[in-house]
PDB file of N, CA and C in Angstrom:
ATOM      1  N   UNK A   1     -12.737   2.624  23.061  1.00  0.00           N
ATOM      2  CA  UNK A   1     -12.972   3.471  21.906  1.00  0.00           C
ATOM      3  C   UNK A   1     -12.673   2.695  20.632  1.00  0.00           C
ATOM      4  N   UNK A   2     -13.586   2.640  19.719  1.00  0.00           N
ATOM      5  CA  UNK A   2     -13.330   1.931  18.468  1.00  0.00           C
ATOM      6  C   UNK A   2     -12.322   2.678  17.596  1.00  0.00           C
ATOM      7  N   UNK A   3     -11.636   1.932  16.783  1.00  0.00           N
ATOM      8  CA  UNK A   3     -10.688   2.515  15.826  1.00  0.00           C
ATOM      9  C   UNK A   3     -11.419   2.765  14.519  1.00  0.00           C
ATOM     10  N   UNK A   4     -11.529   4.032  14.142  1.00  0.00           N
ATOM     11  CA  UNK A   4     -12.237   4.409  12.921  1.00  0.00           C
ATOM     12  C   UNK A   4     -11.395   4.140  11.675  1.00  0.00           C
ATOM     13  N   UNK A   5     -10.115   4.434  11.759  1.00  0.00           N
ATOM     14  CA  UNK A   5      -9.204   4.321  10.616  1.00  0.00           C
ATOM     15  C   UNK A   5      -8.018   3.427  10.987  1.00  0.00           C
ATOM     16  N   UNK A   6      -7.378   2.865   9.976  1.00  0.00           N
ATOM     17  CA  UNK A   6      -6.189   2.047  10.226  1.00  0.00           C
ATOM     18  C   UNK A   6      -5.075   2.883  10.847  1.00  0.00           C
ATOM     19  N   UNK A   7      -5.015   4.160  10.491  1.00  0.00           N
ATOM     20  CA  UNK A   7      -3.988   5.041  11.054  1.00  0.00           C
ATOM     21  C   UNK A   7      -4.185   5.290  12.546  1.00  0.00           C
ATOM     22  N   UNK A   8      -5.353   4.984  13.065  1.00  0.00           N
ATOM     23  CA  UNK A   8      -5.645   5.182  14.489  1.00  0.00           C
ATOM     24  C   UNK A   8      -5.147   4.028  15.353  1.00  0.00           C
ATOM     25  N   UNK A   9      -4.756   2.928  14.737  1.00  0.00           N
ATOM     26  CA  UNK A   9      -4.311   1.744  15.479  1.00  0.00           C
ATOM     27  C   UNK A   9      -3.040   2.040  16.267  1.00  0.00           C
ATOM     28  N   UNK A  10      -2.780   1.259  17.311  1.00  0.00           N
ATOM     29  CA  UNK A  10      -1.537   1.445  18.075  1.00  0.00           C
ATOM     30  C   UNK A  10      -0.309   1.278  17.180  1.00  0.00           C
ATOM     31  N   UNK A  11       0.742   1.979  17.516  1.00  0.00           N
ATOM     32  CA  UNK A  11       1.977   1.942  16.723  1.00  0.00           C
ATOM     33  C   UNK A  11       2.508   0.520  16.582  1.00  0.00           C
ATOM     34  N   UNK A  12       2.384  -0.291  17.622  1.00  0.00           N
ATOM     35  CA  UNK A  12       2.880  -1.674  17.566  1.00  0.00           C
ATOM     36  C   UNK A  12       2.146  -2.496  16.511  1.00  0.00           C
ATOM     37  N   UNK A  13       0.922  -2.133  16.218  1.00  0.00           N
ATOM     38  CA  UNK A  13       0.141  -2.813  15.189  1.00  0.00           C
ATOM     39  C   UNK A  13       0.501  -2.239  13.814  1.00  0.00           C
ATOM     40  N   UNK A  14       0.483  -0.923  13.707  1.00  0.00           N
ATOM     41  CA  UNK A  14       0.744  -0.257  12.421  1.00  0.00           C
ATOM     42  C   UNK A  14       2.122  -0.576  11.877  1.00  0.00           C
ATOM     43  N   UNK A  15       3.114  -0.641  12.747  1.00  0.00           N
ATOM     44  CA  UNK A  15       4.486  -0.817  12.277  1.00  0.00           C
ATOM     45  C   UNK A  15       4.858  -2.270  12.016  1.00  0.00           C
ATOM     46  N   UNK A  16       4.006  -3.203  12.423  1.00  0.00           N
ATOM     47  CA  UNK A  16       4.364  -4.619  12.279  1.00  0.00           C
ATOM     48  C   UNK A  16       3.485  -5.415  11.325  1.00  0.00           C
ATOM     49  N   UNK A  17       2.241  -5.037  11.167  1.00  0.00           N
ATOM     50  CA  UNK A  17       1.313  -5.861  10.392  1.00  0.00           C
ATOM     51  C   UNK A  17       1.077  -5.313   9.002  1.00  0.00           C
ATOM     52  N   UNK A  18       0.944  -6.212   8.019  1.00  0.00           N
ATOM     53  CA  UNK A  18       0.552  -5.768   6.680  1.00  0.00           C
ATOM     54  C   UNK A  18      -0.889  -5.244   6.709  1.00  0.00           C
ATOM     55  N   UNK A  19      -1.288  -4.538   5.669  1.00  0.00           N
ATOM     56  CA  UNK A  19      -2.581  -3.865   5.643  1.00  0.00           C
ATOM     57  C   UNK A  19      -3.751  -4.805   5.945  1.00  0.00           C
ATOM     58  N   UNK A  20      -3.803  -5.955   5.300  1.00  0.00           N
ATOM     59  CA  UNK A  20      -4.927  -6.870   5.522  1.00  0.00           C
ATOM     60  C   UNK A  20      -4.993  -7.322   6.977  1.00  0.00           C
ATOM     61  N   UNK A  21      -3.854  -7.574   7.577  1.00  0.00           N
ATOM     62  CA  UNK A  21      -3.820  -7.974   8.986  1.00  0.00           C
ATOM     63  C   UNK A  21      -4.276  -6.828   9.887  1.00  0.00           C
ATOM     64  N   UNK A  22      -3.915  -5.603   9.534  1.00  0.00           N
ATOM     65  CA  UNK A  22      -4.389  -4.443  10.301  1.00  0.00           C
ATOM     66  C   UNK A  22      -5.903  -4.309  10.191  1.00  0.00           C
ATOM     67  N   UNK A  23      -6.450  -4.610   9.018  1.00  0.00           N
ATOM     68  CA  UNK A  23      -7.908  -4.564   8.840  1.00  0.00           C
ATOM     69  C   UNK A  23      -8.592  -5.610   9.727  1.00  0.00           C
ATOM     70  N   UNK A  24      -8.009  -6.803   9.795  1.00  0.00           N
ATOM     71  CA  UNK A  24      -8.529  -7.861  10.661  1.00  0.00           C
ATOM     72  C   UNK A  24      -8.473  -7.409  12.111  1.00  0.00           C
ATOM     73  N   UNK A  25      -7.334  -6.851  12.492  1.00  0.00           N
ATOM     74  CA  UNK A  25      -7.155  -6.390  13.870  1.00  0.00           C
ATOM     75  C   UNK A  25      -8.203  -5.340  14.229  1.00  0.00           C
ATOM     76  N   UNK A  26      -8.374  -4.348  13.373  1.00  0.00           N
ATOM     77  CA  UNK A  26      -9.319  -3.263  13.647  1.00  0.00           C
ATOM     78  C   UNK A  26     -10.743  -3.794  13.788  1.00  0.00           C
ATOM     79  N   UNK A  27     -11.156  -4.660  12.877  1.00  0.00           N
ATOM     80  CA  UNK A  27     -12.514  -5.201  12.922  1.00  0.00           C
ATOM     81  C   UNK A  27     -12.729  -6.036  14.187  1.00  0.00           C
ATOM     82  N   UNK A  28     -11.767  -6.879  14.518  1.00  0.00           N
ATOM     83  CA  UNK A  28     -11.896  -7.732  15.701  1.00  0.00           C
ATOM     84  C   UNK A  28     -11.867  -6.894  16.980  1.00  0.00           C
ATOM     85  N   UNK A  29     -10.984  -5.916  17.023  1.00  0.00           N
ATOM     86  CA  UNK A  29     -10.907  -5.055  18.203  1.00  0.00           C
ATOM     87  C   UNK A  29     -12.225  -4.319  18.399  1.00  0.00           C
ATOM     88  N   UNK A  30     -12.724  -3.685  17.352  1.00  0.00           N
ATOM     89  CA  UNK A  30     -13.957  -2.901  17.471  1.00  0.00           C
ATOM     90  C   UNK A  30     -15.127  -3.769  17.926  1.00  0.00           C
ATOM     91  N   UNK A  31     -15.225  -4.961  17.380  1.00  0.00           N
ATOM     92  CA  UNK A  31     -16.301  -5.865  17.768  1.00  0.00           C
ATOM     93  C   UNK A  31     -16.168  -6.289  19.231  1.00  0.00           C
ATOM     94  N   UNK A  32     -14.960  -6.672  19.630  1.00  0.00           N
ATOM     95  CA  UNK A  32     -14.732  -7.134  20.993  1.00  0.00           C
ATOM     96  C   UNK A  32     -14.887  -6.000  21.999  1.00  0.00           C
ATOM     97  N   UNK A  33     -14.465  -4.813  21.628  1.00  0.00           N
ATOM     98  CA  UNK A  33     -14.581  -3.674  22.539  1.00  0.00           C
ATOM     99  C   UNK A  33     -16.049  -3.342  22.783  1.00  0.00           C
ATOM    100  N   UNK A  34     -16.841  -3.444  21.741  1.00  0.00           N
ATOM    101  CA  UNK A  34     -18.276  -3.199  21.873  1.00  0.00           C
ATOM    102  C   UNK A  34     -18.930  -4.281  22.738  1.00  0.00           C
ATOM    103  N   UNK A  35     -18.509  -5.525  22.525  1.00  0.00           N
ATOM    104  CA  UNK A  35     -19.114  -6.645  23.245  1.00  0.00           C
ATOM    105  C   UNK A  35     -18.695  -6.696  24.710  1.00  0.00           C
ATOM    106  N   UNK A  36     -17.391  -6.547  24.982  1.00  0.00           N
ATOM    107  CA  UNK A  36     -16.882  -6.750  26.327  1.00  0.00           C
ATOM    108  C   UNK A  36     -16.672  -5.455  27.111  1.00  0.00           C
ATOM    109  N   UNK A  37     -16.564  -4.344  26.395  1.00  0.00           N
ATOM    110  CA  UNK A  37     -16.312  -3.037  27.024  1.00  0.00           C
ATOM    111  C   UNK A  37     -15.072  -3.070  27.913  1.00  0.00           C
ATOM    112  N   UNK A  38     -14.046  -3.770  27.437  1.00  0.00           N
ATOM    113  CA  UNK A  38     -12.792  -3.901  28.184  1.00  0.00           C
ATOM    114  C   UNK A  38     -11.652  -3.839  27.175  1.00  0.00           C
ATOM    115  N   UNK A  39     -10.873  -2.754  27.221  1.00  0.00           N
ATOM    116  CA  UNK A  39      -9.849  -2.507  26.216  1.00  0.00           C
ATOM    117  C   UNK A  39      -8.799  -3.613  26.145  1.00  0.00           C
ATOM    118  N   UNK A  40      -8.277  -4.054  27.265  1.00  0.00           N
ATOM    119  CA  UNK A  40      -7.220  -5.068  27.229  1.00  0.00           C
ATOM    120  C   UNK A  40      -7.732  -6.374  26.636  1.00  0.00           C
ATOM    121  N   UNK A  41      -8.941  -6.733  26.934  1.00  0.00           N
ATOM    122  CA  UNK A  41      -9.527  -7.956  26.372  1.00  0.00           C
ATOM    123  C   UNK A  41      -9.731  -7.796  24.864  1.00  0.00           C
ATOM    124  N   UNK A  42     -10.154  -6.622  24.437  1.00  0.00           N
ATOM    125  CA  UNK A  42     -10.363  -6.376  23.009  1.00  0.00           C
ATOM    126  C   UNK A  42      -9.047  -6.493  22.241  1.00  0.00           C
ATOM    127  N   UNK A  43      -7.951  -6.020  22.826  1.00  0.00           N
ATOM    128  CA  UNK A  43      -6.645  -6.153  22.167  1.00  0.00           C
ATOM    129  C   UNK A  43      -6.242  -7.625  22.062  1.00  0.00           C
ATOM    130  N   UNK A  44      -6.499  -8.395  23.098  1.00  0.00           N
ATOM    131  CA  UNK A  44      -6.172  -9.836  23.050  1.00  0.00           C
ATOM    132  C   UNK A  44      -6.985 -10.542  21.972  1.00  0.00           C
ATOM    133  N   UNK A  45      -8.263 -10.214  21.884  1.00  0.00           N
ATOM    134  CA  UNK A  45      -9.125 -10.804  20.854  1.00  0.00           C
ATOM    135  C   UNK A  45      -8.617 -10.421  19.469  1.00  0.00           C
ATOM    136  N   UNK A  46      -8.234  -9.169  19.308  1.00  0.00           N
ATOM    137  CA  UNK A  46      -7.763  -8.695  18.001  1.00  0.00           C
ATOM    138  C   UNK A  46      -6.480  -9.414  17.577  1.00  0.00           C
ATOM    139  N   UNK A  47      -5.529  -9.557  18.505  1.00  0.00           N
ATOM    140  CA  UNK A  47      -4.301 -10.271  18.157  1.00  0.00           C
ATOM    141  C   UNK A  47      -4.600 -11.732  17.826  1.00  0.00           C
ATOM    142  N   UNK A  48      -5.512 -12.331  18.540  1.00  0.00           N
ATOM    143  CA  UNK A  48      -5.881 -13.712  18.271  1.00  0.00           C
ATOM    144  C   UNK A  48      -6.476 -13.846  16.870  1.00  0.00           C
ATOM    145  N   UNK A  49      -7.289 -12.889  16.486  1.00  0.00           N
ATOM    146  CA  UNK A  49      -7.884 -12.910  15.140  1.00  0.00           C
ATOM    147  C   UNK A  49      -6.804 -12.810  14.077  1.00  0.00           C
ATOM    148  N   UNK A  50      -5.824 -11.952  14.300  1.00  0.00           N
ATOM    149  CA  UNK A  50      -4.718 -11.817  13.341  1.00  0.00           C
ATOM    150  C   UNK A  50      -3.952 -13.132  13.255  1.00  0.00           C
ATOM    151  N   UNK A  51      -3.690 -13.745  14.400  1.00  0.00           N
ATOM    152  CA  UNK A  51      -2.898 -14.976  14.430  1.00  0.00           C
ATOM    153  C   UNK A  51      -3.617 -16.166  13.787  1.00  0.00           C
ATOM    154  N   UNK A  52      -4.914 -16.062  13.568  1.00  0.00           N
ATOM    155  CA  UNK A  52      -5.625 -17.110  12.839  1.00  0.00           C
ATOM    156  C   UNK A  52      -5.243 -17.124  11.376  1.00  0.00           C
ATOM    157  N   UNK A  53      -4.890 -15.973  10.825  1.00  0.00           N
ATOM    158  CA  UNK A  53      -4.586 -15.854   9.395  1.00  0.00           C
ATOM    159  C   UNK A  53      -3.122 -15.548   9.101  1.00  0.00           C
ATOM    160  N   UNK A  54      -2.404 -15.023  10.090  1.00  0.00           N
ATOM    161  CA  UNK A  54      -1.023 -14.579   9.888  1.00  0.00           C
ATOM    162  C   UNK A  54      -0.099 -15.218  10.905  1.00  0.00           C
ATOM    163  N   UNK A  55       1.180 -15.300  10.533  1.00  0.00           N
ATOM    164  CA  UNK A  55       2.209 -15.798  11.432  1.00  0.00           C
ATOM    165  C   UNK A  55       3.503 -15.065  11.125  1.00  0.00           C
ATOM    166  N   UNK A  56       4.419 -15.113  12.071  1.00  0.00           N
ATOM    167  CA  UNK A  56       5.723 -14.500  11.828  1.00  0.00           C
ATOM    168  C   UNK A  56       6.601 -15.484  11.072  1.00  0.00           C
ATOM    169  N   UNK A  57       7.307 -14.970  10.063  1.00  0.00           N
ATOM    170  CA  UNK A  57       8.235 -15.827   9.320  1.00  0.00           C
ATOM    171  C   UNK A  57       9.598 -15.830  10.007  1.00  0.00           C
ATOM    172  N   UNK A  58      10.561 -16.470   9.383  1.00  0.00           N
ATOM    173  CA  UNK A  58      11.889 -16.596   9.992  1.00  0.00           C
ATOM    174  C   UNK A  58      12.588 -15.252  10.159  1.00  0.00           C
ATOM    175  N   UNK A  59      12.124 -14.225   9.433  1.00  0.00           N
ATOM    176  CA  UNK A  59      12.697 -12.885   9.557  1.00  0.00           C
ATOM    177  C   UNK A  59      11.931 -12.017  10.557  1.00  0.00           C
ATOM    178  N   UNK A  60      10.941 -12.611  11.211  1.00  0.00           N
ATOM    179  CA  UNK A  60      10.158 -11.862  12.182  1.00  0.00           C
ATOM    180  C   UNK A  60       9.090 -10.976  11.575  1.00  0.00           C
ATOM    181  N   UNK A  61       8.793 -11.191  10.298  1.00  0.00           N
ATOM    182  CA  UNK A  61       7.767 -10.406   9.615  1.00  0.00           C
ATOM    183  C   UNK A  61       6.452 -11.177   9.625  1.00  0.00           C
ATOM    184  N   UNK A  62       5.341 -10.458   9.757  1.00  0.00           N
ATOM    185  CA  UNK A  62       4.023 -11.085   9.725  1.00  0.00           C
ATOM    186  C   UNK A  62       3.651 -11.380   8.277  1.00  0.00           C
ATOM    187  N   UNK A  63       3.359 -12.647   7.997  1.00  0.00           N
ATOM    188  CA  UNK A  63       2.962 -13.081   6.649  1.00  0.00           C
ATOM    189  C   UNK A  63       1.711 -13.937   6.753  1.00  0.00           C
ATOM    190  N   UNK A  64       0.950 -13.958   5.676  1.00  0.00           N
ATOM    191  CA  UNK A  64      -0.268 -14.747   5.655  1.00  0.00           C
ATOM    192  C   UNK A  64       0.075 -16.236   5.695  1.00  0.00           C
ATOM    193  N   UNK A  65      -0.666 -16.972   6.497  1.00  0.00           N
ATOM    194  CA  UNK A  65      -0.438 -18.415   6.597  1.00  0.00           C
ATOM    195  C   UNK A  65      -0.848 -19.087   5.294  1.00  0.00           C
ATOM    196  N   UNK A  66      -0.132 -20.133   4.974  1.00  0.00           N
ATOM    197  CA  UNK A  66      -0.491 -20.914   3.788  1.00  0.00           C
ATOM    198  C   UNK A  66      -1.653 -21.835   4.133  1.00  0.00           C
ATOM    199  N   UNK A  67      -2.524 -22.020   3.186  1.00  0.00           N
ATOM    200  CA  UNK A  67      -3.721 -22.854   3.408  1.00  0.00           C
ATOM    201  C   UNK A  67      -3.395 -24.315   3.518  1.00  0.00           C
TER     202      UNK A  67
END
């Protein structure tokens, strides 16, 4: 099932990622879910997409990677 709104994302995503990262996650998940029709794979793809642009800092918070 695609995520229509950011508020529909899993709690682990909503409570940990900044808004832009949640937008990346939602877009990647929806695309992968449509392509693969496999929820667990879509979540892995979505996290991978987030990790391309974001990383955890020393405080365990997700921050945008420096260019």
